[in-house]
PDB file of N, CA and C in Angstrom:
ATOM      1  N   MET A   1     -18.560   5.143  11.461  1.00  0.00           N
ATOM      2  CA  MET A   1     -17.709   4.375  10.579  1.00  0.00           C
ATOM      3  C   MET A   1     -18.006   2.902  10.813  1.00  0.00           C
ATOM      4  N   PHE A   2     -18.090   2.172   9.721  1.00  0.00           N
ATOM      5  CA  PHE A   2     -18.442   0.759   9.771  1.00  0.00           C
ATOM      6  C   PHE A   2     -17.581   0.021   8.747  1.00  0.00           C
ATOM      7  N   ALA A   3     -16.999  -1.113   9.126  1.00  0.00           N
ATOM      8  CA  ALA A   3     -16.194  -1.908   8.204  1.00  0.00           C
ATOM      9  C   ALA A   3     -16.844  -3.278   8.020  1.00  0.00           C
ATOM     10  N   TYR A   4     -16.958  -3.718   6.776  1.00  0.00           N
ATOM     11  CA  TYR A   4     -17.509  -5.032   6.504  1.00  0.00           C
ATOM     12  C   TYR A   4     -16.849  -5.625   5.278  1.00  0.00           C
ATOM     13  N   PRO A   5     -16.679  -6.909   5.152  1.00  0.00           N
ATOM     14  CA  PRO A   5     -16.854  -7.861   6.259  1.00  0.00           C
ATOM     15  C   PRO A   5     -15.739  -7.681   7.288  1.00  0.00           C
ATOM     16  N   ASN A   6     -15.969  -8.198   8.451  1.00  0.00           N
ATOM     17  CA  ASN A   6     -14.988  -8.150   9.528  1.00  0.00           C
ATOM     18  C   ASN A   6     -15.255  -9.330  10.451  1.00  0.00           C
ATOM     19  N   PRO A   7     -14.396 -10.321  10.469  1.00  0.00           N
ATOM     20  CA  PRO A   7     -13.092 -10.486   9.840  1.00  0.00           C
ATOM     21  C   PRO A   7     -13.200 -10.541   8.317  1.00  0.00           C
ATOM     22  N   PHE A   8     -12.036 -10.305   7.655  1.00  0.00           N
ATOM     23  CA  PHE A   8     -12.030 -10.229   6.198  1.00  0.00           C
ATOM     24  C   PHE A   8     -10.795 -10.903   5.616  1.00  0.00           C
ATOM     25  N   ASN A   9     -10.859 -11.177   4.317  1.00  0.00           N
ATOM     26  CA  ASN A   9      -9.729 -11.723   3.569  1.00  0.00           C
ATOM     27  C   ASN A   9      -9.978 -11.515   2.093  1.00  0.00           C
ATOM     28  N   PRO A  10      -9.215 -10.776   1.381  1.00  0.00           N
ATOM     29  CA  PRO A  10      -8.195  -9.807   1.800  1.00  0.00           C
ATOM     30  C   PRO A  10      -8.695  -8.368   1.741  1.00  0.00           C
ATOM     31  N   GLN A  11     -10.000  -8.155   1.503  1.00  0.00           N
ATOM     32  CA  GLN A  11     -10.497  -6.794   1.312  1.00  0.00           C
ATOM     33  C   GLN A  11     -11.679  -6.518   2.229  1.00  0.00           C
ATOM     34  N   THR A  12     -11.707  -5.306   2.778  1.00  0.00           N
ATOM     35  CA  THR A  12     -12.839  -4.855   3.581  1.00  0.00           C
ATOM     36  C   THR A  12     -13.290  -3.487   3.087  1.00  0.00           C
ATOM     37  N   SER A  13     -14.569  -3.208   3.210  1.00  0.00           N
ATOM     38  CA  SER A  13     -15.134  -1.910   2.815  1.00  0.00           C
ATOM     39  C   SER A  13     -15.404  -1.086   4.057  1.00  0.00           C
ATOM     40  N   ILE A  14     -15.109   0.202   3.969  1.00  0.00           N
ATOM     41  CA  ILE A  14     -15.319   1.116   5.083  1.00  0.00           C
ATOM     42  C   ILE A  14     -16.388   2.117   4.667  1.00  0.00           C
ATOM     43  N   LEU A  15     -17.479   2.148   5.418  1.00  0.00           N
ATOM     44  CA  LEU A  15     -18.570   3.095   5.189  1.00  0.00           C
ATOM     45  C   LEU A  15     -18.484   4.194   6.236  1.00  0.00           C
ATOM     46  N   TYR A  16     -18.643   5.443   5.797  1.00  0.00           N
ATOM     47  CA  TYR A  16     -18.590   6.553   6.742  1.00  0.00           C
ATOM     48  C   TYR A  16     -19.420   7.715   6.210  1.00  0.00           C
ATOM     49  N   GLY A  17     -19.782   8.605   7.122  1.00  0.00           N
ATOM     50  CA  GLY A  17     -20.555   9.785   6.753  1.00  0.00           C
ATOM     51  C   GLY A  17     -19.929  11.044   7.314  1.00  0.00           C
ATOM     52  N   LEU A  18     -20.058  12.108   6.558  1.00  0.00           N
ATOM     53  CA  LEU A  18     -19.578  13.425   6.987  1.00  0.00           C
ATOM     54  C   LEU A  18     -20.750  14.405   6.936  1.00  0.00           C
ATOM     55  N   SER A  19     -20.952  15.152   8.012  1.00  0.00           N
ATOM     56  CA  SER A  19     -22.055  16.118   8.029  1.00  0.00           C
ATOM     57  C   SER A  19     -21.720  17.370   7.221  1.00  0.00           C
ATOM     58  N   THR A  20     -20.436  17.686   7.100  1.00  0.00           N
ATOM     59  CA  THR A  20     -19.978  18.801   6.275  1.00  0.00           C
ATOM     60  C   THR A  20     -18.716  18.370   5.530  1.00  0.00           C
ATOM     61  N   ALA A  21     -18.371  19.091   4.483  1.00  0.00           N
ATOM     62  CA  ALA A  21     -17.123  18.803   3.777  1.00  0.00           C
ATOM     63  C   ALA A  21     -15.958  18.989   4.753  1.00  0.00           C
ATOM     64  N   ALA A  22     -14.948  18.116   4.639  1.00  0.00           N
ATOM     65  CA  ALA A  22     -13.845  18.167   5.602  1.00  0.00           C
ATOM     66  C   ALA A  22     -12.581  17.566   5.016  1.00  0.00           C
ATOM     67  N   GLU A  23     -11.441  18.001   5.557  1.00  0.00           N
ATOM     68  CA  GLU A  23     -10.172  17.338   5.287  1.00  0.00           C
ATOM     69  C   GLU A  23     -10.200  16.035   6.080  1.00  0.00           C
ATOM     70  N   LEU A  24      -9.892  14.953   5.412  1.00  0.00           N
ATOM     71  CA  LEU A  24     -10.055  13.631   6.005  1.00  0.00           C
ATOM     72  C   LEU A  24      -8.804  12.794   5.768  1.00  0.00           C
ATOM     73  N   ASP A  25      -8.405  12.058   6.791  1.00  0.00           N
ATOM     74  CA  ASP A  25      -7.355  11.049   6.678  1.00  0.00           C
ATOM     75  C   ASP A  25      -7.937   9.724   7.136  1.00  0.00           C
ATOM     76  N   ILE A  26      -7.739   8.687   6.325  1.00  0.00           N
ATOM     77  CA  ILE A  26      -8.105   7.331   6.726  1.00  0.00           C
ATOM     78  C   ILE A  26      -6.829   6.511   6.632  1.00  0.00           C
ATOM     79  N   LYS A  27      -6.363   6.034   7.793  1.00  0.00           N
ATOM     80  CA  LYS A  27      -5.098   5.309   7.870  1.00  0.00           C
ATOM     81  C   LYS A  27      -5.296   3.981   8.570  1.00  0.00           C
ATOM     82  N   VAL A  28      -4.413   3.039   8.252  1.00  0.00           N
ATOM     83  CA  VAL A  28      -4.448   1.718   8.864  1.00  0.00           C
ATOM     84  C   VAL A  28      -3.185   1.541   9.699  1.00  0.00           C
ATOM     85  N   TYR A  29      -3.376   1.089  10.939  1.00  0.00           N
ATOM     86  CA  TYR A  29      -2.271   0.828  11.861  1.00  0.00           C
ATOM     87  C   TYR A  29      -2.311  -0.628  12.288  1.00  0.00           C
ATOM     88  N   ASP A  30      -1.134  -1.185  12.558  1.00  0.00           N
ATOM     89  CA  ASP A  30      -1.102  -2.553  13.078  1.00  0.00           C
ATOM     90  C   ASP A  30      -1.235  -2.524  14.591  1.00  0.00           C
ATOM     91  N   ILE A  31      -1.175  -3.688  15.209  1.00  0.00           N
ATOM     92  CA  ILE A  31      -1.397  -3.825  16.650  1.00  0.00           C
ATOM     93  C   ILE A  31      -0.333  -3.092  17.473  1.00  0.00           C
ATOM     94  N   THR A  32       0.854  -2.849  16.886  1.00  0.00           N
ATOM     95  CA  THR A  32       1.917  -2.134  17.603  1.00  0.00           C
ATOM     96  C   THR A  32       1.792  -0.623  17.460  1.00  0.00           C
ATOM     97  N   GLY A  33       0.848  -0.167  16.637  1.00  0.00           N
ATOM     98  CA  GLY A  33       0.660   1.265  16.415  1.00  0.00           C
ATOM     99  C   GLY A  33       1.440   1.804  15.236  1.00  0.00           C
ATOM    100  N   SER A  34       2.096   0.923  14.485  1.00  0.00           N
ATOM    101  CA  SER A  34       2.840   1.356  13.303  1.00  0.00           C
ATOM    102  C   SER A  34       1.895   1.575  12.130  1.00  0.00           C
ATOM    103  N   LEU A  35       2.148   2.643  11.383  1.00  0.00           N
ATOM    104  CA  LEU A  35       1.339   2.934  10.209  1.00  0.00           C
ATOM    105  C   LEU A  35       1.591   1.877   9.140  1.00  0.00           C
ATOM    106  N   VAL A  36       0.522   1.262   8.650  1.00  0.00           N
ATOM    107  CA  VAL A  36       0.600   0.251   7.604  1.00  0.00           C
ATOM    108  C   VAL A  36       0.340   0.883   6.240  1.00  0.00           C
ATOM    109  N   GLU A  37      -0.699   1.711   6.177  1.00  0.00           N
ATOM    110  CA  GLU A  37      -1.085   2.299   4.895  1.00  0.00           C
ATOM    111  C   GLU A  37      -2.003   3.493   5.111  1.00  0.00           C
ATOM    112  N   THR A  38      -1.885   4.501   4.247  1.00  0.00           N
ATOM    113  CA  THR A  38      -2.840   5.602   4.191  1.00  0.00           C
ATOM    114  C   THR A  38      -3.806   5.284   3.065  1.00  0.00           C
ATOM    115  N   ILE A  39      -5.067   5.067   3.416  1.00  0.00           N
ATOM    116  CA  ILE A  39      -6.085   4.715   2.426  1.00  0.00           C
ATOM    117  C   ILE A  39      -6.570   5.960   1.687  1.00  0.00           C
ATOM    118  N   PHE A  40      -6.740   7.059   2.426  1.00  0.00           N
ATOM    119  CA  PHE A  40      -7.214   8.307   1.812  1.00  0.00           C
ATOM    120  C   PHE A  40      -6.691   9.485   2.621  1.00  0.00           C
ATOM    121  N   SER A  41      -6.345  10.556   1.925  1.00  0.00           N
ATOM    122  CA  SER A  41      -5.964  11.802   2.572  1.00  0.00           C
ATOM    123  C   SER A  41      -6.342  12.937   1.632  1.00  0.00           C
ATOM    124  N   GLY A  42      -7.263  13.788   2.089  1.00  0.00           N
ATOM    125  CA  GLY A  42      -7.678  14.904   1.243  1.00  0.00           C
ATOM    126  C   GLY A  42      -9.037  15.435   1.641  1.00  0.00           C
ATOM    127  N   LEU A  43      -9.585  16.282   0.799  1.00  0.00           N
ATOM    128  CA  LEU A  43     -10.890  16.897   1.029  1.00  0.00           C
ATOM    129  C   LEU A  43     -11.991  15.955   0.541  1.00  0.00           C
ATOM    130  N   LYS A  44     -13.016  15.791   1.369  1.00  0.00           N
ATOM    131  CA  LYS A  44     -14.156  14.944   1.017  1.00  0.00           C
ATOM    132  C   LYS A  44     -15.429  15.741   1.247  1.00  0.00           C
ATOM    133  N   ASP A  45     -16.379  15.637   0.321  1.00  0.00           N
ATOM    134  CA  ASP A  45     -17.668  16.321   0.445  1.00  0.00           C
ATOM    135  C   ASP A  45     -18.505  15.697   1.551  1.00  0.00           C
ATOM    136  N   SER A  46     -19.520  16.435   1.991  1.00  0.00           N
ATOM    137  CA  SER A  46     -20.445  15.901   2.981  1.00  0.00           C
ATOM    138  C   SER A  46     -21.246  14.754   2.368  1.00  0.00           C
ATOM    139  N   GLY A  47     -21.789  13.905   3.225  1.00  0.00           N
ATOM    140  CA  GLY A  47     -22.586  12.777   2.771  1.00  0.00           C
ATOM    141  C   GLY A  47     -21.975  11.453   3.171  1.00  0.00           C
ATOM    142  N   TYR A  48     -22.547  10.389   2.646  1.00  0.00           N
ATOM    143  CA  TYR A  48     -22.075   9.042   2.953  1.00  0.00           C
ATOM    144  C   TYR A  48     -21.136   8.568   1.853  1.00  0.00           C
ATOM    145  N   HIS A  49     -20.072   7.892   2.270  1.00  0.00           N
ATOM    146  CA  HIS A  49     -19.039   7.441   1.343  1.00  0.00           C
ATOM    147  C   HIS A  49     -18.623   6.009   1.680  1.00  0.00           C
ATOM    148  N   GLU A  50     -18.019   5.354   0.696  1.00  0.00           N
ATOM    149  CA  GLU A  50     -17.488   4.008   0.892  1.00  0.00           C
ATOM    150  C   GLU A  50     -16.110   3.944   0.245  1.00  0.00           C
ATOM    151  N   ILE A  51     -15.178   3.315   0.936  1.00  0.00           N
ATOM    152  CA  ILE A  51     -13.832   3.123   0.422  1.00  0.00           C
ATOM    153  C   ILE A  51     -13.385   1.726   0.842  1.00  0.00           C
ATOM    154  N   SER A  52     -12.510   1.113   0.071  1.00  0.00           N
ATOM    155  CA  SER A  52     -12.056  -0.245   0.374  1.00  0.00           C
ATOM    156  C   SER A  52     -10.582  -0.259   0.754  1.00  0.00           C
ATOM    157  N   TRP A  53     -10.229  -1.229   1.578  1.00  0.00           N
ATOM    158  CA  TRP A  53      -8.832  -1.485   1.889  1.00  0.00           C
ATOM    159  C   TRP A  53      -8.497  -2.886   1.412  1.00  0.00           C
ATOM    160  N   ASP A  54      -7.543  -2.977   0.506  1.00  0.00           N
ATOM    161  CA  ASP A  54      -7.065  -4.255   0.006  1.00  0.00           C
ATOM    162  C   ASP A  54      -5.805  -4.615   0.785  1.00  0.00           C
ATOM    163  N   ALA A  55      -5.915  -5.622   1.634  1.00  0.00           N
ATOM    164  CA  ALA A  55      -4.815  -6.016   2.513  1.00  0.00           C
ATOM    165  C   ALA A  55      -4.081  -7.239   1.979  1.00  0.00           C
ATOM    166  N   SER A  56      -4.021  -7.394   0.672  1.00  0.00           N
ATOM    167  CA  SER A  56      -3.356  -8.542   0.061  1.00  0.00           C
ATOM    168  C   SER A  56      -1.899  -8.667   0.482  1.00  0.00           C
ATOM    169  N   ASN A  57      -1.240  -7.539   0.717  1.00  0.00           N
ATOM    170  CA  ASN A  57       0.183  -7.558   1.077  1.00  0.00           C
ATOM    171  C   ASN A  57       0.424  -7.555   2.582  1.00  0.00           C
ATOM    172  N   ALA A  58      -0.634  -7.576   3.372  1.00  0.00           N
ATOM    173  CA  ALA A  58      -0.498  -7.562   4.832  1.00  0.00           C
ATOM    174  C   ALA A  58      -0.582  -8.983   5.382  1.00  0.00           C
ATOM    175  N   THR A  59      -0.063  -9.169   6.582  1.00  0.00           N
ATOM    176  CA  THR A  59      -0.129 -10.471   7.231  1.00  0.00           C
ATOM    177  C   THR A  59      -1.404 -10.574   8.068  1.00  0.00           C
ATOM    178  N   SER A  60      -1.798 -11.779   8.386  1.00  0.00           N
ATOM    179  CA  SER A  60      -2.971 -11.991   9.235  1.00  0.00           C
ATOM    180  C   SER A  60      -2.768 -11.283  10.569  1.00  0.00           C
ATOM    181  N   GLY A  61      -3.852 -10.758  11.115  1.00  0.00           N
ATOM    182  CA  GLY A  61      -3.750 -10.102  12.413  1.00  0.00           C
ATOM    183  C   GLY A  61      -4.808  -9.049  12.621  1.00  0.00           C
ATOM    184  N   ILE A  62      -4.627  -8.305  13.702  1.00  0.00           N
ATOM    185  CA  ILE A  62      -5.547  -7.241  14.091  1.00  0.00           C
ATOM    186  C   ILE A  62      -4.986  -5.912  13.592  1.00  0.00           C
ATOM    187  N   TYR A  63      -5.861  -5.108  12.998  1.00  0.00           N
ATOM    188  CA  TYR A  63      -5.494  -3.792  12.488  1.00  0.00           C
ATOM    189  C   TYR A  63      -6.523  -2.771  12.981  1.00  0.00           C
ATOM    190  N   PHE A  64      -6.115  -1.518  12.989  1.00  0.00           N
ATOM    191  CA  PHE A  64      -7.008  -0.429  13.380  1.00  0.00           C
ATOM    192  C   PHE A  64      -7.094   0.560  12.229  1.00  0.00           C
ATOM    193  N   ILE A  65      -8.309   0.824  11.791  1.00  0.00           N
ATOM    194  CA  ILE A  65      -8.553   1.820  10.757  1.00  0.00           C
ATOM    195  C   ILE A  65      -8.916   3.115  11.474  1.00  0.00           C
ATOM    196  N   GLN A  66      -8.122   4.146  11.236  1.00  0.00           N
ATOM    197  CA  GLN A  66      -8.349   5.434  11.896  1.00  0.00           C
ATOM    198  C   GLN A  66      -8.931   6.426  10.896  1.00  0.00           C
ATOM    199  N   PHE A  67     -10.030   7.035  11.307  1.00  0.00           N
ATOM    200  CA  PHE A  67     -10.775   8.040  10.553  1.00  0.00           C
ATOM    201  C   PHE A  67     -10.549   9.359  11.289  1.00  0.00           C
ATOM    202  N   ARG A  68      -9.878  10.320  10.642  1.00  0.00           N
ATOM    203  CA  ARG A  68      -9.523  11.554  11.339  1.00  0.00           C
ATOM    204  C   ARG A  68      -9.928  12.784  10.534  1.00  0.00           C
ATOM    205  N   THR A  69     -10.713  13.656  11.175  1.00  0.00           N
ATOM    206  CA  THR A  69     -10.997  14.987  10.647  1.00  0.00           C
ATOM    207  C   THR A  69     -10.516  15.979  11.699  1.00  0.00           C
ATOM    208  N   ILE A  70     -10.660  17.265  11.406  1.00  0.00           N
ATOM    209  CA  ILE A  70     -10.231  18.274  12.381  1.00  0.00           C
ATOM    210  C   ILE A  70     -11.068  18.196  13.667  1.00  0.00           C
ATOM    211  N   ASN A  71     -12.304  17.662  13.563  1.00  0.00           N
ATOM    212  CA  ASN A  71     -13.216  17.644  14.707  1.00  0.00           C
ATOM    213  C   ASN A  71     -13.310  16.307  15.424  1.00  0.00           C
ATOM    214  N   GLN A  72     -12.839  15.226  14.805  1.00  0.00           N
ATOM    215  CA  GLN A  72     -13.008  13.933  15.454  1.00  0.00           C
ATOM    216  C   GLN A  72     -11.998  12.906  14.971  1.00  0.00           C
ATOM    217  N   ILE A  73     -11.783  11.935  15.842  1.00  0.00           N
ATOM    218  CA  ILE A  73     -10.945  10.787  15.521  1.00  0.00           C
ATOM    219  C   ILE A  73     -11.728   9.544  15.926  1.00  0.00           C
ATOM    220  N   LEU A  74     -11.908   8.634  14.978  1.00  0.00           N
ATOM    221  CA  LEU A  74     -12.586   7.368  15.238  1.00  0.00           C
ATOM    222  C   LEU A  74     -11.646   6.234  14.858  1.00  0.00           C
ATOM    223  N   ASN A  75     -11.680   5.158  15.624  1.00  0.00           N
ATOM    224  CA  ASN A  75     -10.889   3.977  15.327  1.00  0.00           C
ATOM    225  C   ASN A  75     -11.786   2.760  15.249  1.00  0.00           C
ATOM    226  N   LYS A  76     -11.528   1.908  14.278  1.00  0.00           N
ATOM    227  CA  LYS A  76     -12.303   0.676  14.100  1.00  0.00           C
ATOM    228  C   LYS A  76     -11.328  -0.490  14.022  1.00  0.00           C
ATOM    229  N   LYS A  77     -11.522  -1.480  14.879  1.00  0.00           N
ATOM    230  CA  LYS A  77     -10.686  -2.676  14.857  1.00  0.00           C
ATOM    231  C   LYS A  77     -11.205  -3.643  13.797  1.00  0.00           C
ATOM    232  N   VAL A  78     -10.287  -4.140  12.969  1.00  0.00           N
ATOM    233  CA  VAL A  78     -10.629  -5.134  11.962  1.00  0.00           C
ATOM    234  C   VAL A  78      -9.637  -6.289  12.074  1.00  0.00           C
ATOM    235  N   VAL A  79     -10.079  -7.456  11.634  1.00  0.00           N
ATOM    236  CA  VAL A  79      -9.249  -8.658  11.730  1.00  0.00           C
ATOM    237  C   VAL A  79      -9.067  -9.243  10.330  1.00  0.00           C
ATOM    238  N   LEU A  80      -7.803  -9.377   9.933  1.00  0.00           N
ATOM    239  CA  LEU A  80      -7.454  -9.984   8.665  1.00  0.00           C
ATOM    240  C   LEU A  80      -7.090 -11.445   8.921  1.00  0.00           C
ATOM    241  N   ILE A  81      -7.817 -12.344   8.257  1.00  0.00           N
ATOM    242  CA  ILE A  81      -7.578 -13.789   8.380  1.00  0.00           C
ATOM    243  C   ILE A  81      -7.221 -14.318   7.016  1.00  0.00           C
ATOM    244  N   LYS A  82      -6.026 -14.876   6.888  1.00  0.00           N
ATOM    245  CA  LYS A  82      -5.595 -15.454   5.611  1.00  0.00           C
ATOM    246  C   LYS A  82      -5.519 -16.955   5.721  1.00  0.00           C
TER     247      LYS A  82
END
């Protein structure tokens, strides 16, 4: 999983790949661990994908984008600068 640009204002793109089709959740958490937003939740085909997070309504700070399938959990730190 890769996020760019990082730091960003107000939108960042998340690139990720799946080796097989999977149920996927992509969620954003703030520095306290509170859920900010669910970007995607559902079935995704195998291959490379890109999705964006528009943080126009969020405050400046550090956020964690969590990528979760049944087999793995990945976290990516991103910084929103307004």
